[in-house]
N, C-alpha and C. Protein backbone atom coordinates (compact mmCIF):
# COMPACT_ATOMS: atom_id res chain seq x y z
N UNK A 1 37.28 17.63 -41.30
CA UNK A 1 37.90 16.42 -40.80
C UNK A 1 37.31 16.07 -39.44
N UNK A 2 36.93 14.83 -39.28
CA UNK A 2 36.30 14.39 -38.04
C UNK A 2 37.33 14.28 -36.93
N UNK A 3 36.94 14.65 -35.73
CA UNK A 3 37.79 14.49 -34.56
C UNK A 3 37.52 13.11 -33.98
N UNK A 4 38.58 12.33 -33.89
CA UNK A 4 38.42 10.98 -33.36
C UNK A 4 38.45 11.00 -31.85
N UNK A 5 37.56 10.25 -31.25
CA UNK A 5 37.48 10.19 -29.80
C UNK A 5 38.20 8.98 -29.25
N UNK A 6 38.12 8.82 -27.95
CA UNK A 6 38.78 7.72 -27.25
C UNK A 6 38.24 6.38 -27.75
N UNK A 7 36.96 6.27 -27.96
CA UNK A 7 36.39 5.01 -28.43
C UNK A 7 36.90 4.65 -29.82
N UNK A 8 37.07 5.66 -30.68
CA UNK A 8 37.65 5.41 -32.00
C UNK A 8 39.07 4.89 -31.88
N UNK A 9 39.84 5.52 -30.99
CA UNK A 9 41.22 5.09 -30.78
C UNK A 9 41.27 3.65 -30.26
N UNK A 10 40.44 3.34 -29.26
CA UNK A 10 40.41 1.99 -28.70
C UNK A 10 40.05 0.95 -29.75
N UNK A 11 39.15 1.28 -30.65
CA UNK A 11 38.74 0.32 -31.67
C UNK A 11 39.86 0.05 -32.67
N UNK A 12 40.78 0.98 -32.84
CA UNK A 12 41.90 0.81 -33.77
C UNK A 12 43.10 0.11 -33.14
N UNK A 13 43.18 0.09 -31.82
CA UNK A 13 44.32 -0.49 -31.12
C UNK A 13 44.06 -1.97 -30.86
N UNK A 14 44.36 -2.76 -31.87
CA UNK A 14 44.08 -4.20 -31.81
C UNK A 14 44.84 -4.89 -30.68
N UNK A 15 44.15 -5.74 -29.96
CA UNK A 15 44.77 -6.53 -28.90
C UNK A 15 45.28 -5.71 -27.74
N UNK A 16 44.92 -4.45 -27.67
CA UNK A 16 45.40 -3.60 -26.59
C UNK A 16 46.82 -3.10 -26.81
N UNK A 17 47.37 -3.34 -27.98
CA UNK A 17 48.73 -2.89 -28.28
C UNK A 17 49.77 -3.94 -27.90
N UNK A 18 50.85 -3.99 -28.66
CA UNK A 18 51.95 -4.91 -28.36
C UNK A 18 52.69 -4.42 -27.12
N UNK A 19 53.09 -5.35 -26.27
CA UNK A 19 53.74 -5.02 -25.01
C UNK A 19 55.23 -5.35 -25.07
N UNK A 20 56.10 -4.43 -24.68
CA UNK A 20 57.54 -4.67 -24.77
C UNK A 20 58.06 -5.73 -23.82
N UNK A 21 57.31 -6.06 -22.79
CA UNK A 21 57.76 -7.08 -21.84
C UNK A 21 57.30 -8.49 -22.21
N UNK A 22 56.58 -8.63 -23.31
CA UNK A 22 56.09 -9.94 -23.75
C UNK A 22 56.90 -10.39 -24.96
N UNK A 23 58.00 -11.07 -24.68
CA UNK A 23 58.88 -11.55 -25.75
C UNK A 23 59.58 -12.82 -25.28
N UNK A 24 60.11 -13.52 -26.24
CA UNK A 24 60.95 -14.69 -25.95
C UNK A 24 62.12 -14.65 -26.91
N UNK A 25 63.33 -14.65 -26.36
CA UNK A 25 64.53 -14.69 -27.19
C UNK A 25 65.10 -16.10 -27.12
N UNK A 26 65.37 -16.69 -28.26
CA UNK A 26 65.98 -18.02 -28.33
C UNK A 26 67.42 -17.85 -28.78
N UNK A 27 68.33 -18.12 -27.85
CA UNK A 27 69.76 -17.96 -28.12
C UNK A 27 70.35 -19.35 -28.36
N UNK A 28 70.46 -19.68 -29.62
CA UNK A 28 71.07 -20.96 -30.00
C UNK A 28 72.58 -20.84 -29.92
N UNK A 29 73.24 -21.95 -29.65
CA UNK A 29 74.70 -21.98 -29.54
C UNK A 29 75.26 -22.97 -30.54
N UNK A 30 76.50 -22.73 -31.02
CA UNK A 30 77.15 -23.78 -31.79
C UNK A 30 77.43 -24.97 -30.86
N UNK A 31 77.53 -26.16 -31.41
CA UNK A 31 77.67 -27.37 -30.60
C UNK A 31 78.85 -27.29 -29.64
N UNK A 32 79.98 -26.74 -30.06
CA UNK A 32 81.16 -26.73 -29.20
C UNK A 32 81.01 -25.84 -27.97
N UNK A 33 80.08 -24.85 -28.00
CA UNK A 33 79.90 -23.95 -26.87
C UNK A 33 79.09 -24.60 -25.76
N UNK A 34 78.24 -25.56 -26.10
CA UNK A 34 77.51 -26.35 -25.10
C UNK A 34 76.50 -25.60 -24.28
N UNK A 35 75.94 -24.52 -24.76
CA UNK A 35 74.98 -23.74 -23.98
C UNK A 35 73.61 -24.38 -23.89
N UNK A 36 72.89 -24.04 -22.84
CA UNK A 36 71.53 -24.51 -22.60
C UNK A 36 70.56 -23.49 -23.19
N UNK A 37 69.94 -23.81 -24.31
CA UNK A 37 69.08 -22.87 -25.04
C UNK A 37 67.87 -22.46 -24.20
N UNK A 38 67.25 -23.41 -23.52
CA UNK A 38 66.07 -23.09 -22.71
C UNK A 38 66.43 -22.18 -21.55
N UNK A 39 67.54 -22.46 -20.87
CA UNK A 39 67.97 -21.61 -19.76
C UNK A 39 68.30 -20.20 -20.26
N UNK A 40 69.02 -20.11 -21.36
CA UNK A 40 69.37 -18.81 -21.92
C UNK A 40 68.11 -18.02 -22.28
N UNK A 41 67.08 -18.70 -22.77
CA UNK A 41 65.82 -18.04 -23.11
C UNK A 41 65.16 -17.46 -21.86
N UNK A 42 65.16 -18.21 -20.78
CA UNK A 42 64.55 -17.72 -19.53
C UNK A 42 65.35 -16.57 -18.93
N UNK A 43 66.67 -16.62 -19.02
CA UNK A 43 67.51 -15.62 -18.37
C UNK A 43 67.76 -14.39 -19.25
N UNK A 44 67.25 -14.40 -20.47
CA UNK A 44 67.38 -13.23 -21.35
C UNK A 44 66.39 -12.17 -20.89
N UNK A 45 66.91 -11.12 -20.27
CA UNK A 45 66.08 -10.08 -19.66
C UNK A 45 65.63 -9.02 -20.66
N UNK A 46 66.51 -8.64 -21.58
CA UNK A 46 66.15 -7.64 -22.57
C UNK A 46 66.68 -8.03 -23.94
N UNK A 47 65.96 -7.61 -24.95
CA UNK A 47 66.35 -7.79 -26.35
C UNK A 47 65.67 -6.65 -27.12
N UNK A 48 65.86 -6.62 -28.40
CA UNK A 48 65.20 -5.61 -29.22
C UNK A 48 64.68 -6.25 -30.49
N UNK A 49 63.64 -5.63 -31.03
CA UNK A 49 63.28 -5.94 -32.39
C UNK A 49 64.29 -5.18 -33.25
N UNK A 50 64.71 -5.73 -34.37
CA UNK A 50 65.86 -5.17 -35.07
C UNK A 50 65.59 -3.86 -35.79
N UNK A 51 66.67 -3.15 -35.98
CA UNK A 51 66.68 -1.94 -36.79
C UNK A 51 66.65 -2.35 -38.26
N UNK A 52 65.97 -1.57 -39.08
CA UNK A 52 66.01 -1.78 -40.52
C UNK A 52 66.71 -0.58 -41.14
N UNK A 53 67.89 -0.81 -41.69
CA UNK A 53 68.70 0.30 -42.19
C UNK A 53 68.97 0.15 -43.69
N UNK A 54 68.84 1.24 -44.38
CA UNK A 54 69.17 1.28 -45.80
C UNK A 54 70.21 2.37 -45.97
N UNK A 55 71.37 2.00 -46.48
CA UNK A 55 72.41 3.00 -46.71
C UNK A 55 71.98 3.96 -47.81
N UNK A 56 72.62 5.10 -47.82
CA UNK A 56 72.27 6.15 -48.76
C UNK A 56 73.47 6.46 -49.64
N UNK A 57 73.25 6.52 -50.94
CA UNK A 57 74.28 6.95 -51.88
C UNK A 57 73.88 8.33 -52.37
N UNK A 58 74.75 9.28 -52.15
CA UNK A 58 74.46 10.65 -52.57
C UNK A 58 75.23 10.95 -53.85
N UNK A 59 74.50 11.37 -54.88
CA UNK A 59 75.10 11.67 -56.18
C UNK A 59 74.92 13.16 -56.46
N UNK A 60 76.02 13.90 -56.54
CA UNK A 60 75.89 15.33 -56.85
C UNK A 60 75.44 15.52 -58.31
N UNK A 61 74.48 16.40 -58.52
CA UNK A 61 74.01 16.70 -59.87
C UNK A 61 73.59 18.16 -59.94
N UNK A 62 74.38 18.97 -60.62
CA UNK A 62 74.07 20.37 -60.90
C UNK A 62 73.63 21.15 -59.65
N UNK A 63 74.42 21.01 -58.61
CA UNK A 63 74.13 21.76 -57.39
C UNK A 63 73.15 21.08 -56.45
N UNK A 64 72.63 19.95 -56.83
CA UNK A 64 71.70 19.20 -55.97
C UNK A 64 72.36 17.90 -55.52
N UNK A 65 71.84 17.36 -54.47
CA UNK A 65 72.30 16.06 -53.97
C UNK A 65 71.18 15.06 -54.19
N UNK A 66 71.33 14.23 -55.21
CA UNK A 66 70.35 13.20 -55.51
C UNK A 66 70.58 12.02 -54.57
N UNK A 67 69.55 11.62 -53.89
CA UNK A 67 69.65 10.52 -52.93
C UNK A 67 69.16 9.23 -53.58
N UNK A 68 70.03 8.22 -53.58
CA UNK A 68 69.75 6.91 -54.17
C UNK A 68 69.85 5.86 -53.07
N UNK A 69 68.95 4.89 -53.10
CA UNK A 69 69.01 3.80 -52.12
C UNK A 69 70.28 2.99 -52.35
N UNK A 70 70.98 2.73 -51.25
CA UNK A 70 72.20 1.94 -51.30
C UNK A 70 71.96 0.53 -50.80
N UNK A 71 72.98 -0.04 -50.20
CA UNK A 71 72.88 -1.41 -49.69
C UNK A 71 72.24 -1.42 -48.31
N UNK A 72 71.54 -2.49 -48.03
CA UNK A 72 70.98 -2.69 -46.70
C UNK A 72 72.11 -3.09 -45.77
N UNK A 73 72.09 -2.54 -44.57
CA UNK A 73 73.07 -2.91 -43.55
C UNK A 73 72.33 -3.47 -42.35
N UNK A 74 73.01 -4.30 -41.59
CA UNK A 74 72.39 -4.95 -40.44
C UNK A 74 73.20 -4.65 -39.19
N UNK A 75 72.59 -3.89 -38.30
CA UNK A 75 73.25 -3.49 -37.06
C UNK A 75 73.41 -4.70 -36.14
N UNK A 76 74.39 -4.61 -35.25
CA UNK A 76 74.56 -5.66 -34.24
C UNK A 76 73.32 -5.72 -33.35
N UNK A 77 73.11 -6.87 -32.73
CA UNK A 77 71.95 -7.11 -31.88
C UNK A 77 72.45 -7.40 -30.48
N UNK A 78 71.88 -6.73 -29.48
CA UNK A 78 72.35 -6.86 -28.10
C UNK A 78 71.24 -7.40 -27.21
N UNK A 79 71.61 -8.31 -26.32
CA UNK A 79 70.69 -8.84 -25.32
C UNK A 79 71.32 -8.65 -23.94
N UNK A 80 70.49 -8.61 -22.91
CA UNK A 80 70.95 -8.57 -21.53
C UNK A 80 70.55 -9.88 -20.87
N UNK A 81 71.52 -10.51 -20.23
CA UNK A 81 71.32 -11.82 -19.60
C UNK A 81 71.43 -11.69 -18.09
N UNK A 82 70.49 -12.30 -17.37
CA UNK A 82 70.58 -12.40 -15.91
C UNK A 82 71.56 -13.53 -15.61
N UNK A 83 72.51 -13.27 -14.72
CA UNK A 83 73.54 -14.27 -14.40
C UNK A 83 73.06 -15.17 -13.27
N UNK A 84 73.15 -16.48 -13.47
CA UNK A 84 72.85 -17.43 -12.39
C UNK A 84 74.15 -17.78 -11.66
N UNK A 85 74.05 -18.45 -10.53
CA UNK A 85 75.24 -18.74 -9.73
C UNK A 85 76.14 -19.80 -10.37
N UNK A 86 75.64 -20.51 -11.37
CA UNK A 86 76.47 -21.46 -12.10
C UNK A 86 77.20 -20.80 -13.27
N UNK A 87 76.86 -19.56 -13.57
CA UNK A 87 77.43 -18.84 -14.71
C UNK A 87 77.19 -19.62 -16.01
N UNK A 88 76.11 -20.36 -16.10
CA UNK A 88 75.85 -21.26 -17.22
C UNK A 88 75.85 -20.55 -18.57
N UNK A 89 75.08 -19.50 -18.70
CA UNK A 89 74.97 -18.81 -19.98
C UNK A 89 76.26 -18.04 -20.27
N UNK A 90 76.81 -17.39 -19.27
CA UNK A 90 78.05 -16.64 -19.48
C UNK A 90 79.18 -17.58 -19.91
N UNK A 91 79.30 -18.73 -19.24
CA UNK A 91 80.34 -19.69 -19.62
C UNK A 91 80.17 -20.14 -21.07
N UNK A 92 78.93 -20.39 -21.49
CA UNK A 92 78.68 -20.81 -22.88
C UNK A 92 79.07 -19.70 -23.86
N UNK A 93 78.76 -18.44 -23.50
CA UNK A 93 79.14 -17.32 -24.36
C UNK A 93 80.66 -17.18 -24.44
N UNK A 94 81.34 -17.37 -23.31
CA UNK A 94 82.80 -17.29 -23.31
C UNK A 94 83.41 -18.43 -24.13
N UNK A 95 82.86 -19.64 -24.02
CA UNK A 95 83.34 -20.77 -24.83
C UNK A 95 83.11 -20.49 -26.32
N UNK A 96 81.95 -19.90 -26.64
CA UNK A 96 81.63 -19.57 -28.03
C UNK A 96 82.69 -18.62 -28.59
N UNK A 97 82.97 -17.54 -27.85
CA UNK A 97 83.97 -16.58 -28.32
C UNK A 97 85.37 -17.20 -28.36
N UNK A 98 85.69 -18.04 -27.38
CA UNK A 98 87.01 -18.67 -27.33
C UNK A 98 87.20 -19.62 -28.51
N UNK A 99 86.12 -20.25 -28.98
CA UNK A 99 86.21 -21.10 -30.15
C UNK A 99 86.52 -20.31 -31.42
N UNK A 100 86.06 -19.07 -31.45
CA UNK A 100 86.33 -18.20 -32.60
C UNK A 100 87.77 -17.72 -32.55
N UNK A 101 88.22 -17.34 -31.35
CA UNK A 101 89.60 -16.88 -31.17
C UNK A 101 90.01 -17.14 -29.73
N UNK A 102 90.92 -18.10 -29.53
CA UNK A 102 91.35 -18.50 -28.20
C UNK A 102 92.18 -17.40 -27.53
N UNK A 103 92.03 -17.29 -26.21
CA UNK A 103 92.75 -16.26 -25.44
C UNK A 103 94.26 -16.39 -25.59
N UNK A 104 94.78 -17.57 -25.37
CA UNK A 104 96.23 -17.71 -25.30
C UNK A 104 96.88 -18.02 -26.64
N UNK A 105 96.23 -18.76 -27.50
CA UNK A 105 96.86 -19.22 -28.74
C UNK A 105 96.60 -18.32 -29.94
N UNK A 106 95.58 -17.44 -29.84
CA UNK A 106 95.20 -16.59 -30.96
C UNK A 106 94.85 -17.41 -32.20
N UNK A 107 94.24 -18.55 -31.96
CA UNK A 107 93.77 -19.42 -33.04
C UNK A 107 92.29 -19.67 -32.83
N UNK A 108 91.63 -20.18 -33.86
CA UNK A 108 90.22 -20.47 -33.71
C UNK A 108 89.65 -21.03 -34.98
N UNK A 109 88.33 -21.18 -34.98
CA UNK A 109 87.62 -21.73 -36.12
C UNK A 109 87.70 -20.78 -37.30
N UNK A 110 87.88 -21.35 -38.50
CA UNK A 110 87.99 -20.53 -39.70
C UNK A 110 86.71 -20.48 -40.51
N UNK A 111 85.93 -21.52 -40.45
CA UNK A 111 84.72 -21.62 -41.26
C UNK A 111 83.54 -21.01 -40.50
N UNK A 112 82.92 -19.96 -41.02
CA UNK A 112 81.80 -19.34 -40.32
C UNK A 112 80.67 -20.32 -39.97
N UNK A 113 80.48 -21.33 -40.76
CA UNK A 113 79.42 -22.32 -40.47
C UNK A 113 79.66 -22.98 -39.12
N UNK A 114 80.93 -23.08 -38.71
CA UNK A 114 81.27 -23.74 -37.45
C UNK A 114 81.02 -22.87 -36.22
N UNK A 115 81.04 -21.54 -36.37
CA UNK A 115 80.87 -20.69 -35.19
C UNK A 115 79.64 -19.78 -35.24
N UNK A 116 78.90 -19.77 -36.32
CA UNK A 116 77.68 -18.96 -36.39
C UNK A 116 76.47 -19.78 -35.98
N UNK A 117 75.47 -19.10 -35.44
CA UNK A 117 74.21 -19.73 -35.08
C UNK A 117 73.08 -18.76 -35.38
N UNK A 118 71.89 -19.28 -35.55
CA UNK A 118 70.71 -18.44 -35.77
C UNK A 118 70.06 -18.15 -34.43
N UNK A 119 69.66 -16.91 -34.23
CA UNK A 119 68.99 -16.46 -33.02
C UNK A 119 67.60 -15.99 -33.39
N UNK A 120 66.67 -16.06 -32.44
CA UNK A 120 65.27 -15.74 -32.72
C UNK A 120 64.72 -14.89 -31.59
N UNK A 121 63.90 -13.89 -31.93
CA UNK A 121 63.12 -13.19 -30.93
C UNK A 121 61.67 -13.18 -31.40
N UNK A 122 60.80 -13.60 -30.50
CA UNK A 122 59.36 -13.65 -30.76
C UNK A 122 58.67 -12.57 -29.94
N UNK A 123 57.81 -11.78 -30.58
CA UNK A 123 56.95 -10.85 -29.88
C UNK A 123 55.68 -11.62 -29.53
N UNK A 124 55.30 -11.63 -28.26
CA UNK A 124 54.16 -12.41 -27.80
C UNK A 124 52.98 -11.51 -27.49
N UNK A 125 51.77 -12.09 -27.55
CA UNK A 125 50.59 -11.35 -27.11
C UNK A 125 50.34 -11.66 -25.64
N UNK A 126 49.29 -11.13 -25.10
CA UNK A 126 49.01 -11.28 -23.66
C UNK A 126 48.63 -12.70 -23.29
N UNK A 127 48.34 -13.55 -24.28
CA UNK A 127 48.05 -14.96 -24.02
C UNK A 127 49.28 -15.84 -24.21
N UNK A 128 50.41 -15.23 -24.58
CA UNK A 128 51.63 -16.00 -24.80
C UNK A 128 51.77 -16.54 -26.21
N UNK A 129 50.85 -16.16 -27.11
CA UNK A 129 50.94 -16.59 -28.50
C UNK A 129 51.87 -15.65 -29.27
N UNK A 130 52.54 -16.20 -30.27
CA UNK A 130 53.51 -15.43 -31.05
C UNK A 130 52.78 -14.51 -32.03
N UNK A 131 53.09 -13.22 -31.96
CA UNK A 131 52.54 -12.23 -32.89
C UNK A 131 53.45 -12.07 -34.11
N UNK A 132 54.75 -12.03 -33.86
CA UNK A 132 55.72 -11.79 -34.92
C UNK A 132 57.04 -12.42 -34.51
N UNK A 133 57.76 -12.97 -35.49
CA UNK A 133 59.04 -13.62 -35.25
C UNK A 133 60.12 -12.96 -36.09
N UNK A 134 61.25 -12.71 -35.45
CA UNK A 134 62.44 -12.22 -36.15
C UNK A 134 63.51 -13.29 -36.05
N UNK A 135 64.02 -13.72 -37.18
CA UNK A 135 65.10 -14.70 -37.24
C UNK A 135 66.38 -13.97 -37.64
N UNK A 136 67.35 -14.01 -36.75
CA UNK A 136 68.66 -13.41 -37.00
C UNK A 136 69.56 -14.52 -37.53
N UNK A 137 70.06 -14.37 -38.74
CA UNK A 137 70.83 -15.42 -39.41
C UNK A 137 72.33 -15.16 -39.31
N UNK A 138 73.08 -16.26 -39.10
CA UNK A 138 74.53 -16.19 -39.11
C UNK A 138 75.12 -15.32 -38.02
N UNK A 139 74.73 -15.54 -36.78
CA UNK A 139 75.15 -14.69 -35.66
C UNK A 139 76.33 -15.27 -34.90
N UNK A 140 77.11 -14.38 -34.31
CA UNK A 140 78.16 -14.79 -33.37
C UNK A 140 78.44 -13.62 -32.44
N UNK A 141 78.85 -13.92 -31.20
CA UNK A 141 79.08 -12.85 -30.23
C UNK A 141 80.35 -12.07 -30.56
N UNK A 142 80.27 -10.75 -30.48
CA UNK A 142 81.43 -9.90 -30.66
C UNK A 142 81.80 -9.17 -29.37
N UNK A 143 80.91 -9.24 -28.38
CA UNK A 143 81.19 -8.60 -27.10
C UNK A 143 80.37 -9.28 -26.02
N UNK A 144 81.04 -9.89 -25.05
CA UNK A 144 80.39 -10.37 -23.84
C UNK A 144 80.75 -9.34 -22.77
N UNK A 145 79.75 -8.61 -22.32
CA UNK A 145 79.97 -7.45 -21.46
C UNK A 145 80.43 -7.80 -20.06
N UNK A 146 80.86 -6.76 -19.40
CA UNK A 146 81.35 -6.89 -18.02
C UNK A 146 80.21 -7.20 -17.07
N UNK A 147 80.57 -7.69 -15.90
CA UNK A 147 79.66 -7.79 -14.77
C UNK A 147 80.26 -6.91 -13.69
N UNK A 148 79.56 -5.83 -13.36
CA UNK A 148 80.05 -4.90 -12.35
C UNK A 148 79.92 -5.53 -10.96
N UNK A 149 80.99 -5.45 -10.19
CA UNK A 149 81.02 -5.95 -8.82
C UNK A 149 81.25 -4.78 -7.88
N UNK A 150 80.53 -4.76 -6.76
CA UNK A 150 80.68 -3.65 -5.82
C UNK A 150 80.13 -4.05 -4.46
N UNK A 151 80.83 -3.64 -3.41
CA UNK A 151 80.33 -3.85 -2.05
C UNK A 151 79.05 -3.08 -1.81
N UNK A 152 78.83 -2.02 -2.57
CA UNK A 152 77.68 -1.15 -2.37
C UNK A 152 76.40 -1.66 -3.02
N UNK A 153 76.50 -2.68 -3.84
CA UNK A 153 75.32 -3.17 -4.55
C UNK A 153 74.61 -4.23 -3.72
N UNK A 154 73.44 -3.88 -3.25
CA UNK A 154 72.62 -4.81 -2.47
C UNK A 154 71.34 -5.11 -3.23
N UNK A 155 70.74 -6.22 -2.89
CA UNK A 155 69.41 -6.56 -3.43
C UNK A 155 69.37 -6.49 -4.95
N UNK A 156 70.39 -7.02 -5.61
CA UNK A 156 70.43 -7.03 -7.06
C UNK A 156 71.01 -8.35 -7.55
N UNK A 157 70.64 -8.74 -8.73
CA UNK A 157 71.19 -9.94 -9.37
C UNK A 157 72.09 -9.46 -10.50
N UNK A 158 73.23 -10.13 -10.64
CA UNK A 158 74.15 -9.76 -11.70
C UNK A 158 73.51 -9.94 -13.07
N UNK A 159 73.91 -9.09 -13.99
CA UNK A 159 73.51 -9.22 -15.39
C UNK A 159 74.65 -8.74 -16.27
N UNK A 160 74.61 -9.16 -17.52
CA UNK A 160 75.63 -8.75 -18.48
C UNK A 160 75.00 -8.71 -19.86
N UNK A 161 75.63 -7.98 -20.75
CA UNK A 161 75.13 -7.89 -22.12
C UNK A 161 75.97 -8.76 -23.04
N UNK A 162 75.35 -9.17 -24.13
CA UNK A 162 76.06 -9.86 -25.19
C UNK A 162 75.64 -9.18 -26.49
N UNK A 163 76.64 -8.76 -27.26
CA UNK A 163 76.40 -8.13 -28.55
C UNK A 163 76.76 -9.13 -29.64
N UNK A 164 75.83 -9.33 -30.57
CA UNK A 164 76.01 -10.28 -31.65
C UNK A 164 76.13 -9.56 -32.99
N UNK A 165 77.08 -9.99 -33.80
CA UNK A 165 77.10 -9.58 -35.20
C UNK A 165 76.10 -10.48 -35.92
N UNK A 166 75.35 -9.91 -36.84
CA UNK A 166 74.39 -10.70 -37.60
C UNK A 166 74.64 -10.48 -39.09
N UNK A 167 74.43 -11.54 -39.86
CA UNK A 167 74.58 -11.42 -41.31
C UNK A 167 73.36 -10.72 -41.91
N UNK A 168 72.18 -11.14 -41.47
CA UNK A 168 70.93 -10.51 -41.91
C UNK A 168 69.81 -11.05 -41.03
N UNK A 169 68.63 -10.44 -41.12
CA UNK A 169 67.47 -10.94 -40.39
C UNK A 169 66.27 -11.04 -41.32
N UNK A 170 65.36 -11.92 -40.92
CA UNK A 170 64.08 -12.11 -41.63
C UNK A 170 62.97 -12.01 -40.60
N UNK A 171 61.80 -11.58 -41.03
CA UNK A 171 60.67 -11.52 -40.10
C UNK A 171 59.43 -12.10 -40.75
N UNK A 172 58.55 -12.57 -39.88
CA UNK A 172 57.24 -13.02 -40.35
C UNK A 172 56.21 -12.75 -39.27
N UNK A 173 55.01 -12.45 -39.71
CA UNK A 173 53.89 -12.23 -38.80
C UNK A 173 53.05 -13.48 -38.82
N UNK A 174 52.70 -13.97 -37.63
CA UNK A 174 51.97 -15.23 -37.54
C UNK A 174 50.47 -15.06 -37.42
N UNK A 175 50.01 -13.85 -37.10
CA UNK A 175 48.55 -13.69 -36.94
C UNK A 175 47.93 -13.02 -38.13
């Protein structure tokens, strides 16, 4: 077996490798939430490419455990948002959740079409071109995270997480 050298490795690493800091998340909002999609995209500090999970069905057979593919499951998707002084994105996320279930009345929208939105994350190359796109279908926030406040925190900008339930995701490669 041939020993591959550094030059062999470099020739196989197309485009210098995908970079985790080169992405764009598009956080669409339902109309009633009134969020600014472009601002949310700029202030989205972290996201992930999704997990692909296949459930397992175990069938006992004569002392063995036969493993059969089960149903596909879709884990929640979490993003971290940088907070601006207008609280623009946070307010939109709070309105979105309040439309699903109001704080005081415990009422909200019943039809998922009214409160779900599609979210997108694009993996970019070093020129800003899209390498791969993930479309998260039928999403809604299930957790708008805390913003920690402290007299001891200097030289920092507030941030918070938002966790979305997703119905399913699709991906496509553009290059």
